[in-house]
Amino acid sequence: MHTINEDGLLEKKDSSNANECMSIITFMDKDLLLGSKPHNRPFFMAGYAREEKVNKILINGGFAVSILPLRTLKELEVPMDELSNSRLMIQGFNQEGQRAMDVIKMKLLMDDMLSTALLHVIDDKTSYNMLLGHPWLHENFVVPST
């Protein structure tokens, strides 16, 4: 066994005493904090937009934009004159691009946090009602933790 002395030099010690100062820590699968619970599920929240409750707001820092599906836009009864044209092409998981229809800046309230999100409107079936991506997280100093 080797140790470092007071002068910072490596010294060889008699190994007969090694068992006295060595401890072994072993972890088993049953010691995992989450056990077998899935811990990689999407991070969904609820909040308010235009004074309407919006469930299934997906928080995901891996997305370069924030997205609002057209069906959610219609449910919120947003007047078309509040939308701005968008030329953004959004690349999907399947490597097929989809052009954003429009873009809108919208105030959001989640718990006691009031923020604004620049949302790109898409006409697609999604598992979320709104997606807040990296720009929104960064602007609001949000660090998602699961």
Foldseek 3Di string as FASTA:
>chain_A
DWDQDPVRDIDDDDCVCVVVPDDDDDDDLCPDPCRPDDDPDFDWAWWDWLNDIFGFATEEQVAPFKAAEPVLVVVSVDDPVQWAAFQDWGQDPVRDTDGFGTWHWIWIGGPHDIDIGTYGYDHDDDPGRIYGYNVRCVVVVHDDDD
